[in-house]
Amino acid sequence: MNQTTYKISAFWDAEAEVWVATSEDVPGLVTESSTIEVLTEKLRVMIPELLVLNNIVPADYLGSISFELISHK
């Protein structure tokens, strides 16, 4: 099975003072956090969950999920 790298975009919302992440590759992904490090940890949990919920990977998938986080501030 080929490894897919999911692209995630994050931008700094200066007004709310949070990082906001979204992705066209991961349907339903919208999350925020005060630091990029915490945001990355949230994404490590959310991305696999959303991929299973959207039937992109099977529920019993044991492989690793790779993502690329592109941030803009």
C-alpha atoms as a PDB file:
ATOM      1  CA  MET A   1       0.000   0.000   0.000  1.00  0.00           C
ATOM      2  CA  ASN A   2       1.421   3.390  -0.985  1.00  0.00           C
ATOM      3  CA  GLN A   3       1.893   5.897   1.810  1.00  0.00           C
ATOM      4  CA  THR A   4      -0.243   9.000   1.311  1.00  0.00           C
ATOM      5  CA  THR A   5       0.910  12.261   2.833  1.00  0.00           C
ATOM      6  CA  TYR A   6      -2.050  14.429   3.784  1.00  0.00           C
ATOM      7  CA  LYS A   7      -1.510  18.175   3.390  1.00  0.00           C
ATOM      8  CA  ILE A   8      -2.664  20.379   6.256  1.00  0.00           C
ATOM      9  CA  SER A   9      -2.670  24.189   6.157  1.00  0.00           C
ATOM     10  CA  ALA A  10      -2.373  26.295   9.283  1.00  0.00           C
ATOM     11  CA  PHE A  11      -2.503  30.042   9.690  1.00  0.00           C
ATOM     12  CA  TRP A  12      -2.139  32.369  12.644  1.00  0.00           C
ATOM     13  CA  ASP A  13      -5.363  34.181  13.496  1.00  0.00           C
ATOM     14  CA  ALA A  14      -3.977  37.305  15.165  1.00  0.00           C
ATOM     15  CA  GLU A  15      -7.369  38.482  16.376  1.00  0.00           C
ATOM     16  CA  ALA A  16      -8.195  35.202  18.149  1.00  0.00           C
ATOM     17  CA  GLU A  17      -4.501  34.520  18.922  1.00  0.00           C
ATOM     18  CA  VAL A  18      -4.702  30.887  17.770  1.00  0.00           C
ATOM     19  CA  TRP A  19      -3.369  28.673  15.007  1.00  0.00           C
ATOM     20  CA  VAL A  20      -6.172  27.394  12.768  1.00  0.00           C
ATOM     21  CA  ALA A  21      -5.699  24.210  10.730  1.00  0.00           C
ATOM     22  CA  THR A  22      -7.784  22.951   7.806  1.00  0.00           C
ATOM     23  CA  SER A  23      -7.281  20.487   4.966  1.00  0.00           C
ATOM     24  CA  GLU A  24      -8.826  19.617   1.630  1.00  0.00           C
ATOM     25  CA  ASP A  25      -7.269  16.141   2.002  1.00  0.00           C
ATOM     26  CA  VAL A  26      -9.002  15.388   5.324  1.00  0.00           C
ATOM     27  CA  PRO A  27     -12.750  16.117   5.131  1.00  0.00           C
ATOM     28  CA  GLY A  28     -14.120  17.833   8.219  1.00  0.00           C
ATOM     29  CA  LEU A  29     -10.761  18.898   9.618  1.00  0.00           C
ATOM     30  CA  VAL A  30     -10.945  22.267  11.339  1.00  0.00           C
ATOM     31  CA  THR A  31      -9.151  22.803  14.630  1.00  0.00           C
ATOM     32  CA  GLU A  32      -7.273  25.481  16.503  1.00  0.00           C
ATOM     33  CA  SER A  33      -4.678  25.824  19.219  1.00  0.00           C
ATOM     34  CA  SER A  34      -2.617  28.502  20.920  1.00  0.00           C
ATOM     35  CA  THR A  35       0.722  26.975  19.830  1.00  0.00           C
ATOM     36  CA  ILE A  36       1.888  25.138  16.724  1.00  0.00           C
ATOM     37  CA  GLU A  37       3.241  22.323  18.920  1.00  0.00           C
ATOM     38  CA  VAL A  38      -0.124  21.675  20.569  1.00  0.00           C
ATOM     39  CA  LEU A  39      -1.811  21.973  17.187  1.00  0.00           C
ATOM     40  CA  THR A  40       0.500  19.286  15.786  1.00  0.00           C
ATOM     41  CA  GLU A  41      -0.349  16.928  18.658  1.00  0.00           C
ATOM     42  CA  LYS A  42      -4.085  17.503  18.106  1.00  0.00           C
ATOM     43  CA  LEU A  43      -3.633  16.723  14.410  1.00  0.00           C
ATOM     44  CA  ARG A  44      -1.874  13.419  15.207  1.00  0.00           C
ATOM     45  CA  VAL A  45      -5.108  12.313  16.898  1.00  0.00           C
ATOM     46  CA  MET A  46      -7.725  13.999  14.709  1.00  0.00           C
ATOM     47  CA  ILE A  47      -6.402  13.079  11.254  1.00  0.00           C
ATOM     48  CA  PRO A  48      -6.589   9.273  11.695  1.00  0.00           C
ATOM     49  CA  GLU A  49     -10.015   9.574  13.357  1.00  0.00           C
ATOM     50  CA  LEU A  50     -11.403  11.673  10.489  1.00  0.00           C
ATOM     51  CA  LEU A  51      -9.877   9.408   7.837  1.00  0.00           C
ATOM     52  CA  VAL A  52     -11.670   6.429   9.394  1.00  0.00           C
ATOM     53  CA  LEU A  53     -14.958   8.335   9.823  1.00  0.00           C
ATOM     54  CA  ASN A  54     -14.829   9.392   6.152  1.00  0.00           C
ATOM     55  CA  ASN A  55     -14.029   5.833   5.000  1.00  0.00           C
ATOM     56  CA  ILE A  56     -10.692   6.936   3.555  1.00  0.00           C
ATOM     57  CA  VAL A  57      -8.843   4.299   5.571  1.00  0.00           C
ATOM     58  CA  PRO A  58     -10.431   1.184   7.100  1.00  0.00           C
ATOM     59  CA  ALA A  59     -11.240   1.192  10.824  1.00  0.00           C
ATOM     60  CA  ASP A  60      -8.720  -1.603  11.411  1.00  0.00           C
ATOM     61  CA  TYR A  61      -5.883   0.214   9.590  1.00  0.00           C
ATOM     62  CA  LEU A  62      -2.646  -0.270  11.533  1.00  0.00           C
ATOM     63  CA  GLY A  63      -0.252   1.718   9.337  1.00  0.00           C
ATOM     64  CA  SER A  64       1.066   5.146  10.134  1.00  0.00           C
ATOM     65  CA  ILE A  65      -0.637   8.291   8.885  1.00  0.00           C
ATOM     66  CA  SER A  66       1.722  10.853   7.381  1.00  0.00           C
ATOM     67  CA  PHE A  67       0.861  14.540   7.157  1.00  0.00           C
ATOM     68  CA  GLU A  68       2.595  17.709   6.063  1.00  0.00           C
ATOM     69  CA  LEU A  69       1.782  20.820   8.074  1.00  0.00           C
ATOM     70  CA  ILE A  70       2.231  24.061   6.131  1.00  0.00           C
ATOM     71  CA  SER A  71       1.987  27.082   8.409  1.00  0.00           C
ATOM     72  CA  HIS A  72       1.690  30.798   7.663  1.00  0.00           C
ATOM     73  CA  LYS A  73       1.979  33.582  10.187  1.00  0.00           C
END
